[in-house]
Protein backbone atom coordinates (compact mmCIF):
# COMPACT_ATOMS: atom_id res chain seq x y z
CA MET A 1 -13.91 15.38 -47.59
CA THR A 2 -16.46 13.15 -46.76
CA ASP A 3 -17.01 11.29 -43.33
CA LEU A 4 -16.33 7.68 -45.32
CA ALA A 5 -13.25 9.29 -46.69
CA TRP A 6 -11.59 10.54 -42.82
CA ILE A 7 -13.25 7.87 -41.31
CA ASP A 8 -11.07 5.49 -43.59
CA ALA A 9 -8.08 7.29 -42.77
CA ALA A 10 -8.06 7.22 -39.05
CA VAL A 11 -9.14 3.94 -39.41
CA ARG A 12 -6.37 3.01 -41.84
CA ALA A 13 -3.61 5.08 -39.88
CA ALA A 14 -5.08 3.46 -36.27
CA ARG A 15 -4.68 -0.26 -38.17
CA PRO A 16 -1.31 -1.28 -37.00
CA ARG A 17 -1.30 0.31 -32.96
CA ALA A 18 -5.03 -1.19 -32.86
CA ILE A 19 -4.57 -4.75 -34.12
CA ALA A 20 -0.97 -4.91 -31.53
CA ALA A 21 -2.75 -4.23 -28.78
CA LEU A 22 -5.70 -6.01 -29.44
CA LEU A 23 -3.47 -9.36 -30.22
CA ARG A 24 -1.22 -8.52 -27.59
CA TYR A 25 -4.56 -9.27 -25.61
CA PHE A 26 -6.38 -12.54 -27.08
CA ARG A 27 -3.61 -13.70 -27.71
CA ASP A 28 -4.98 -15.09 -31.19
CA LEU A 29 -5.07 -13.27 -34.23
CA ASP A 30 -8.91 -14.15 -35.45
CA THR A 31 -9.95 -13.14 -32.26
CA ALA A 32 -8.14 -9.77 -32.41
CA GLU A 33 -8.97 -9.55 -36.05
CA GLU A 34 -12.84 -9.87 -35.90
CA ALA A 35 -12.71 -7.94 -32.43
CA PHE A 36 -11.03 -4.94 -34.85
CA GLN A 37 -13.11 -5.15 -37.83
CA GLU A 38 -16.53 -4.56 -35.36
CA ALA A 39 -14.88 -1.99 -34.03
CA CYS A 40 -14.68 -0.28 -37.28
CA LEU A 41 -18.30 -0.86 -38.02
CA ARG A 42 -19.17 0.76 -34.54
CA ALA A 43 -16.29 3.59 -36.08
CA LEU A 44 -18.68 3.33 -39.16
CA ARG A 45 -21.84 4.69 -36.92
CA SER A 46 -20.83 6.53 -34.32
CA TRP A 47 -18.06 8.83 -35.51
CA PRO A 48 -19.66 10.55 -37.77
CA ARG A 49 -22.58 11.70 -35.09
CA ASN A 50 -20.12 12.25 -32.20
CA GLY A 51 -17.09 13.31 -34.14
CA PRO A 52 -13.37 11.79 -34.13
CA PRO A 53 -12.06 10.34 -31.14
CA ARG A 54 -9.44 12.49 -28.84
CA ASP A 55 -6.73 9.24 -30.32
CA PRO A 56 -9.19 6.94 -32.96
CA ALA A 57 -6.45 3.73 -32.72
CA ALA A 58 -7.51 3.83 -28.63
CA TRP A 59 -10.41 3.81 -29.25
CA LEU A 60 -10.85 1.13 -31.18
CA VAL A 61 -8.98 -0.70 -29.06
CA LEU A 62 -10.86 -0.22 -26.11
CA VAL A 63 -14.25 -0.73 -28.19
CA GLY A 64 -12.20 -4.01 -29.94
CA ARG A 65 -11.63 -5.31 -26.68
CA ASN A 66 -15.03 -5.24 -25.37
CA PHE A 67 -16.94 -6.92 -28.21
CA GLY A 68 -14.19 -9.65 -27.85
CA VAL A 69 -13.91 -10.01 -24.17
CA ASP A 70 -18.37 -10.13 -24.88
CA GLU A 71 -17.81 -13.07 -27.43
CA ILE A 72 -15.52 -14.87 -25.24
CA ARG A 73 -18.10 -14.43 -21.68
CA ARG A 74 -21.02 -16.00 -24.68
CA HIS A 75 -19.19 -18.66 -26.03
CA LYS A 76 -16.56 -19.84 -23.63
CA LYS A 77 -18.25 -19.36 -20.34
CA GLN A 78 -16.51 -21.56 -18.70
CA ASP A 79 -12.74 -20.31 -19.49
CA PRO A 80 -11.10 -17.97 -17.34
CA LEU A 81 -10.78 -14.80 -18.65
CA PRO A 82 -7.10 -12.85 -19.66
CA ASP A 83 -5.99 -10.70 -16.79
CA GLU A 84 -7.15 -7.24 -16.83
CA GLU A 85 -3.63 -6.03 -16.71
CA HIS A 86 -3.16 -6.38 -20.04
CA VAL A 87 -4.92 -3.41 -21.17
CA SER A 88 -5.87 -0.06 -19.74
CA ASP A 89 -8.41 0.73 -16.77
CA LEU A 90 -11.74 2.15 -17.60
CA GLU A 91 -11.51 5.32 -15.83
CA ASP A 92 -9.51 7.10 -18.32
CA ALA A 93 -9.67 4.43 -21.17
CA GLU A 94 -8.34 6.65 -23.76
CA ALA A 95 -5.37 8.27 -22.40
CA SER A 96 -4.26 5.79 -20.87
CA LEU A 97 -4.39 3.24 -24.00
CA ALA A 98 -2.43 5.17 -25.95
CA GLU A 99 0.17 5.59 -22.83
CA ARG A 100 0.78 1.49 -22.67
CA LEU A 101 0.67 1.17 -26.72
CA ASP A 102 3.75 2.68 -26.85
CA ALA A 103 5.21 0.80 -23.44
CA SER A 104 6.35 -1.92 -24.18
CA GLN A 105 9.34 -3.95 -24.75
CA TYR A 106 9.92 -2.34 -27.72
CA ARG A 107 8.81 0.40 -27.55
CA ASP A 108 6.51 0.08 -30.00
CA ASP A 109 3.66 -2.68 -29.95
CA ILE A 110 4.01 -3.06 -33.78
CA LEU A 111 7.90 -3.42 -33.98
CA ARG A 112 7.40 -6.11 -31.32
CA LEU A 113 3.71 -7.55 -33.15
CA LEU A 114 6.72 -7.56 -36.60
CA PHE A 115 9.35 -10.04 -34.15
CA VAL A 116 5.90 -11.97 -33.21
CA CYS A 117 4.78 -12.42 -36.98
CA CYS A 118 8.29 -13.83 -38.29
CA HIS A 119 8.63 -16.70 -35.54
CA PRO A 120 10.75 -19.24 -36.71
CA GLU A 121 8.18 -21.93 -37.16
CA LEU A 122 7.07 -20.25 -40.54
CA PRO A 123 8.44 -20.38 -43.25
CA ALA A 124 10.13 -16.70 -44.46
CA VAL A 125 7.79 -16.25 -46.89
CA GLN A 126 4.40 -17.04 -44.78
CA GLN A 127 6.16 -14.85 -41.80
CA ILE A 128 6.65 -11.73 -44.18
CA ALA A 129 2.76 -12.07 -45.38
CA LEU A 130 1.46 -12.69 -42.05
CA ALA A 131 3.16 -9.91 -41.13
CA LEU A 132 2.10 -7.45 -43.71
CA ARG A 133 -1.85 -8.98 -43.86
CA VAL A 134 -1.99 -8.37 -40.02
CA VAL A 135 0.01 -5.62 -38.85
CA SER A 136 0.17 -3.44 -41.76
CA GLY A 137 -3.98 -5.10 -43.12
CA LEU A 138 -3.34 -4.94 -46.69
CA SER A 139 -4.99 -7.03 -48.93
CA VAL A 140 -3.70 -10.45 -50.15
CA LYS A 141 -4.12 -9.22 -53.85
CA GLU A 142 -1.52 -6.09 -52.69
CA ILE A 143 0.46 -8.82 -50.68
CA ALA A 144 0.53 -11.13 -53.78
CA ARG A 145 1.79 -8.38 -56.57
CA ALA A 146 4.65 -8.07 -53.80
CA PHE A 147 5.79 -11.78 -54.00
CA LEU A 148 4.90 -11.51 -58.17
CA VAL A 149 2.16 -14.37 -57.29
CA SER A 150 -0.94 -14.99 -57.80
CA GLU A 151 -3.99 -14.06 -55.09
CA ALA A 152 -4.84 -17.30 -54.64
CA ALA A 153 -1.54 -18.71 -53.97
CA MET A 154 -1.16 -16.12 -51.38
CA ASP A 155 -4.20 -16.78 -49.27
CA GLN A 156 -2.79 -20.39 -49.54
CA ARG A 157 0.00 -19.33 -47.76
CA ILE A 158 -1.42 -16.83 -45.14
CA THR A 159 -3.91 -19.15 -43.73
CA ARG A 160 -1.47 -21.69 -43.60
CA ALA A 161 0.78 -19.96 -41.57
CA LYS A 162 -2.44 -18.71 -39.18
CA ARG A 163 -3.38 -22.24 -39.48
CA ARG A 164 0.22 -23.41 -38.41
CA ILE A 165 0.03 -20.24 -35.06
CA GLY A 166 -2.56 -22.16 -34.01
CA GLU A 167 -1.67 -25.94 -34.24
CA ALA A 168 2.05 -25.27 -33.40
CA GLU A 169 0.61 -23.42 -29.91
CA ILE A 170 3.17 -20.26 -31.06
CA PRO A 171 3.13 -18.04 -28.03
CA PHE A 172 2.62 -13.92 -28.68
CA GLU A 173 5.25 -13.22 -26.51
CA ALA A 174 8.37 -11.02 -26.86
CA PRO A 175 11.34 -12.62 -27.61
CA GLY A 176 14.33 -12.40 -26.48
CA ALA A 177 17.85 -10.76 -27.85
CA VAL A 178 19.19 -14.34 -29.44
CA GLU A 179 15.31 -14.27 -31.34
CA ARG A 180 15.51 -11.08 -32.28
CA ALA A 181 19.06 -11.02 -34.32
CA GLU A 182 17.52 -14.77 -35.98
CA ARG A 183 14.03 -12.94 -36.96
CA LEU A 184 15.71 -9.32 -37.66
CA GLY A 185 15.88 -10.44 -41.65
CA ALA A 186 12.47 -11.13 -41.98
CA VAL A 187 11.43 -8.12 -39.76
CA ALA A 188 13.38 -5.85 -42.49
CA ALA A 189 11.81 -7.23 -45.66
CA MET A 190 8.62 -7.44 -44.36
CA ILE A 191 8.92 -3.16 -43.41
CA TYR A 192 11.05 -2.75 -47.19
CA LEU A 193 7.74 -4.32 -48.82
CA LEU A 194 5.69 -1.89 -46.66
CA PHE A 195 7.13 0.64 -47.43
CA ASN A 196 7.23 -0.32 -51.09
CA GLU A 197 3.15 -1.08 -51.20
CA GLY A 198 3.13 2.84 -50.28
CA TYR A 199 5.52 3.87 -52.79
CA SER A 200 3.74 1.98 -55.87
CA ALA A 201 0.26 2.56 -54.47
CA THR A 202 -0.97 -0.94 -55.62
CA GLY A 203 -4.30 -0.13 -53.65
CA GLY A 204 -5.80 1.87 -55.80
CA ASP A 205 -4.67 5.34 -54.59
CA ALA A 206 -4.44 7.32 -57.16
CA HIS A 207 -1.15 8.61 -55.79
CA VAL A 208 1.36 7.69 -53.21
CA ARG A 209 0.27 6.40 -49.65
CA VAL A 210 1.97 8.45 -47.56
CA GLY A 211 1.07 7.08 -44.60
CA LEU A 212 1.96 3.67 -45.52
CA CYS A 213 5.85 5.05 -46.55
CA GLU A 214 5.86 7.39 -43.24
CA GLU A 215 4.97 4.07 -41.16
CA ALA A 216 7.45 1.91 -42.41
CA ILE A 217 10.07 4.99 -42.51
CA ARG A 218 9.39 5.26 -37.86
CA LEU A 219 9.95 1.43 -38.20
CA ALA A 220 12.86 0.74 -39.88
CA ARG A 221 13.95 3.93 -37.40
CA LEU A 222 12.69 1.96 -34.26
CA LEU A 223 14.60 -1.02 -35.69
CA LEU A 224 18.21 0.69 -35.92
CA GLY A 225 17.53 1.95 -32.67
CA LEU A 226 17.11 -1.99 -31.64
CA PHE A 227 20.36 -2.50 -33.81
CA PRO A 228 21.94 0.39 -33.92
CA SER A 229 25.53 -1.34 -35.61
CA GLU A 230 23.89 -3.77 -37.59
CA SER A 231 24.68 -1.89 -41.17
CA GLU A 232 22.04 -3.10 -43.21
CA VAL A 233 19.47 -1.91 -41.18
CA MET A 234 20.91 1.31 -41.25
CA GLY A 235 21.09 0.48 -45.71
CA LEU A 236 17.31 0.10 -45.38
CA LEU A 237 16.32 3.30 -43.34
CA ALA A 238 18.90 5.40 -45.95
CA LEU A 239 16.65 3.47 -48.92
CA LEU A 240 13.47 4.35 -47.77
CA LEU A 241 14.58 8.13 -47.06
CA LEU A 242 16.00 8.24 -49.99
CA GLN A 243 13.69 7.07 -52.12
CA HIS A 244 10.57 8.98 -50.12
CA ALA A 245 12.48 12.52 -50.27
CA ARG A 246 11.28 11.85 -53.81
CA ALA A 247 7.58 12.17 -53.98
CA PRO A 248 6.89 15.43 -53.78
CA ALA A 249 8.15 15.48 -57.59
CA ARG A 250 6.72 12.09 -58.96
CA LEU A 251 3.34 13.13 -59.64
CA ASP A 252 2.34 16.14 -61.79
CA ALA A 253 -0.74 18.68 -60.66
CA THR A 254 -3.03 16.52 -62.62
CA GLY A 255 -1.78 13.04 -60.92
CA ALA A 256 0.07 11.59 -63.99
CA ILE A 257 3.63 9.96 -63.21
CA VAL A 258 6.71 12.11 -63.57
CA LEU A 259 9.79 10.08 -64.78
CA LEU A 260 12.92 10.33 -62.09
CA ASP A 261 14.27 12.27 -65.16
CA ASP A 262 11.93 14.89 -66.05
CA GLN A 263 11.28 15.66 -62.07
CA ASP A 264 11.45 18.83 -60.24
CA ARG A 265 14.67 18.22 -58.34
CA GLY A 266 13.74 21.09 -55.96
CA ARG A 267 10.48 19.51 -54.69
CA TRP A 268 12.67 16.83 -53.33
CA ASP A 269 12.94 16.82 -49.16
CA ARG A 270 16.61 17.84 -48.99
CA ALA A 271 16.94 17.37 -45.12
CA MET A 272 15.77 13.90 -46.11
CA ILE A 273 17.87 13.44 -48.74
CA ALA A 274 20.95 14.42 -46.28
CA GLU A 275 20.06 12.05 -43.60
CA GLY A 276 19.54 9.31 -46.11
CA LEU A 277 23.68 9.93 -47.78
CA ALA A 278 24.91 10.04 -44.46
CA LEU A 279 23.67 6.53 -43.57
CA VAL A 280 24.88 5.56 -46.81
CA GLU A 281 28.07 6.45 -46.06
CA LYS A 282 28.09 5.19 -42.28
CA ALA A 283 26.79 1.58 -43.33
CA LEU A 284 29.26 1.21 -45.90
CA ARG A 285 32.03 2.29 -43.82
CA HIS A 286 31.13 -1.10 -41.89
CA LYS A 287 32.05 -2.82 -45.17
CA THR A 288 29.58 -5.54 -44.90
CA PRO A 289 27.66 -4.70 -48.32
CA GLY A 290 23.84 -6.15 -48.03
CA ALA A 291 21.14 -5.84 -50.64
CA TYR A 292 19.46 -2.43 -48.81
CA GLN A 293 23.09 -0.91 -48.46
CA ILE A 294 23.75 -1.41 -52.40
CA GLN A 295 20.06 -0.13 -53.10
CA ALA A 296 20.16 2.82 -50.89
CA ALA A 297 23.65 3.42 -52.77
CA ILE A 298 22.28 3.22 -56.19
CA ALA A 299 19.33 5.51 -54.67
CA ALA A 300 22.17 8.25 -53.27
CA GLU A 301 23.72 8.12 -57.05
CA HIS A 302 20.34 9.73 -58.10
CA ALA A 303 19.64 12.37 -55.29
CA ALA A 304 23.76 13.28 -54.95
CA ALA A 305 23.41 14.28 -58.97
CA ALA A 306 22.03 18.24 -59.66
CA THR A 307 20.74 17.49 -62.56
CA ALA A 308 19.48 14.29 -64.45
CA ARG A 309 22.88 14.75 -66.42
CA ASP A 310 24.71 14.37 -64.12
CA THR A 311 23.55 11.42 -62.69
CA SER A 312 26.54 8.65 -62.74
CA TRP A 313 24.64 5.61 -64.99
CA GLY A 314 28.16 4.21 -65.35
CA LYS A 315 28.33 3.83 -61.09
CA ILE A 316 24.60 2.41 -61.36
CA ASP A 317 25.56 -0.06 -63.58
CA GLN A 318 27.97 -1.29 -61.41
CA LEU A 319 26.27 -1.49 -58.52
CA TYR A 320 23.76 -3.04 -59.59
CA VAL A 321 26.14 -5.76 -60.92
CA VAL A 322 27.21 -6.31 -57.02
CA LEU A 323 23.64 -6.49 -56.57
CA GLU A 324 23.06 -9.18 -58.79
CA THR A 325 25.26 -10.79 -57.14
CA LEU A 326 23.92 -10.61 -53.49
CA GLN A 327 20.57 -10.54 -54.50
CA PRO A 328 19.83 -12.68 -57.72
CA SER A 329 15.99 -11.42 -59.09
CA PRO A 330 14.37 -10.69 -62.65
CA VAL A 331 13.24 -6.80 -61.29
CA VAL A 332 16.77 -6.27 -60.62
CA THR A 333 17.84 -7.28 -64.07
CA LEU A 334 15.06 -5.36 -65.22
CA ASN A 335 16.24 -2.42 -62.99
CA ARG A 336 20.35 -2.37 -64.07
CA ALA A 337 18.91 -2.77 -67.91
CA VAL A 338 17.77 0.72 -67.66
CA ALA A 339 21.38 1.78 -66.58
CA VAL A 340 22.64 -0.17 -69.43
CA CYS A 341 20.17 1.37 -71.87
CA LYS A 342 21.91 5.20 -70.73
CA ILE A 343 25.55 3.72 -71.06
CA GLN A 344 24.96 1.52 -74.09
CA GLY A 345 21.58 2.40 -75.89
CA PRO A 346 17.90 0.28 -76.15
CA GLU A 347 19.71 -2.65 -78.06
CA PRO A 348 21.62 -4.40 -75.53
CA ALA A 349 19.74 -3.13 -72.75
CA LEU A 350 16.37 -5.40 -74.73
CA ALA A 351 19.12 -8.24 -75.32
CA MET A 352 19.00 -7.83 -71.06
CA ILE A 353 15.74 -7.84 -70.36
CA GLU A 354 14.30 -10.13 -73.29
CA PRO A 355 14.61 -13.62 -71.08
CA LEU A 356 13.19 -12.37 -68.16
CA GLU A 357 9.69 -12.26 -69.63
CA ALA A 358 8.30 -16.12 -68.39
CA ARG A 359 9.21 -14.55 -65.13
CA LEU A 360 7.80 -11.03 -65.45
CA SER A 361 4.78 -11.92 -67.58
CA THR A 362 2.46 -10.13 -65.03
CA TYR A 363 4.45 -7.48 -64.06
CA PHE A 364 3.65 -3.59 -65.22
CA HIS A 365 6.92 -2.38 -65.27
CA PHE A 366 8.38 -5.19 -67.66
CA PHE A 367 6.12 -4.31 -70.70
CA GLY A 368 6.65 -0.53 -70.10
CA LEU A 369 10.65 -1.11 -70.10
CA LYS A 370 10.15 -3.16 -73.42
CA GLY A 371 7.69 -1.16 -75.30
CA GLY A 372 10.14 1.79 -74.21
CA LEU A 373 13.38 0.10 -75.62
CA LEU A 374 11.70 -0.93 -78.98
CA LEU A 375 9.90 2.01 -79.50
CA GLN A 376 13.95 3.51 -79.51
CA LEU A 377 14.93 1.09 -81.96
CA GLY A 378 11.64 2.01 -83.99
CA ARG A 379 10.10 -1.86 -84.21
CA HIS A 380 6.95 0.29 -83.30
CA ASP A 381 4.39 -2.45 -84.11
CA GLU A 382 6.55 -5.16 -81.18
CA ALA A 383 6.29 -1.72 -79.27
CA ARG A 384 2.41 -1.46 -79.55
CA ILE A 385 2.38 -5.04 -78.58
CA ALA A 386 4.20 -4.63 -75.37
CA PHE A 387 2.15 -0.49 -74.16
CA ASP A 388 -0.54 -3.07 -74.43
CA ARG A 389 0.38 -5.72 -72.05
CA ALA A 390 1.05 -2.86 -69.80
CA ILE A 391 -1.67 -0.88 -70.00
CA ALA A 392 -3.63 -4.49 -68.44
CA LEU A 393 -1.57 -4.99 -65.84
CA ALA A 394 -1.01 -1.24 -64.57
CA HIS A 395 -2.20 -1.14 -60.96
CA THR A 396 -3.53 2.45 -60.68
CA ALA A 397 -5.07 5.01 -63.48
CA PRO A 398 -1.46 7.35 -63.03
CA GLU A 399 0.57 3.79 -64.45
CA ALA A 400 -2.51 3.40 -67.15
CA ALA A 401 -2.49 6.90 -68.38
CA HIS A 402 1.53 7.03 -68.20
CA ILE A 403 1.89 4.28 -70.87
CA ARG A 404 -1.05 5.68 -72.98
CA GLN A 405 1.19 8.96 -73.67
CA HIS A 406 3.67 6.36 -75.10
CA ILE A 407 1.35 4.86 -77.53
CA ASP A 408 -0.18 8.04 -78.21
CA ARG A 409 3.31 9.38 -78.98
CA LEU A 410 4.06 6.05 -81.19
CA LEU A 411 0.70 6.32 -82.87
CA GLU A 412 2.08 10.30 -83.50
CA THR A 413 5.09 8.92 -85.05
CA CYS A 414 3.24 6.53 -87.29
CA ALA A 415 0.90 8.69 -88.58
CA GLU A 416 4.43 11.49 -89.04
CA VAL A 417 5.88 8.26 -91.29
CA ALA A 418 2.65 7.44 -93.16
CA ARG A 419 2.17 11.21 -94.32
CA ASP A 420 5.71 11.42 -95.83
CA ASP A 421 5.44 8.22 -97.52
CA ALA A 422 2.07 9.11 -98.92
CA SER A 423 4.53 12.34 -100.09
CA ALA A 424 7.22 11.08 -101.43
């Protein structure tokens, strides 16, 4: 691995803890982010020469904190500095910082910061977008894809959120029990979107960004520790576990996408699946169904099937009907169409998704599914148009390669038809 590659990996992994600690210290988003960026630049200069520090997060916090304090001294000499008790002593900076990073009220600075970002002064979309940007370091482009909006629109939302926090002087302090409960939905949504970003790897990686998925699972576990009787949090953790259990089988040795029906189920993480299934069962016993629980129940049907042929598509379709009621969304209907296709065939499924095209005009998976359904119906010219649109919207090389396989198959079919016509 090159110097740049391992430094990038280390910084990505350390970012959430480092940003959380710097924000807790400076109480200002822009200052914390600027301090972290400066620490990253210094890491690029120092780490290749000196080797990686024992705790990259602690190193970045210390360097970022010192830079931020110097900047405050230089620009605002008349203002008092924050109390030293907010950061480590300097005698053994790394060890002390590492201990403090896990010693906050929520047992985790990152989870605490999520609750801070999800302040009710901000609209729900701005809360989640801000948390994804500040806490997890996702790009504006990545967050925009998660919300199916343009990059410019999402950039405006994040900018407004930061400005509103500054103007309202929203405190960066841990909320009490009542406020935590009120913000629970937004925090859960942010964790879910963080996992999805890692799972779909829209950042351009050629593989699943395992680190983001694992971080989301870790945060979901911490959240369940805070709300142990909350069935939706159980459902969230179950959903993430059941999805992530399939990660080893989602790509082949060349990095190509392997569809669910074709995956080697022997490569699925059975321990993770067992934990997810147990959580689904426990959550549903509460008889207060929510969107995460239903999605987890759908994932459980796939996980419990020994082979693709054993999948209970009828149950999955019924669960999607419930999910459409709880969380109406064109993406939910698009996913349900897959189950409908398995049960009734491609024609009813195509009729179900065609009204969604205007709302999913920038969604890769819509055109991939549409092309596949048209291909099954023998409507080859229309299928080619849909596949071409899907390639244009692909976020990763494996996605584009997967669609090209469909196009190659389509061309082969058309060539066979032409040969048959010529010999007739």
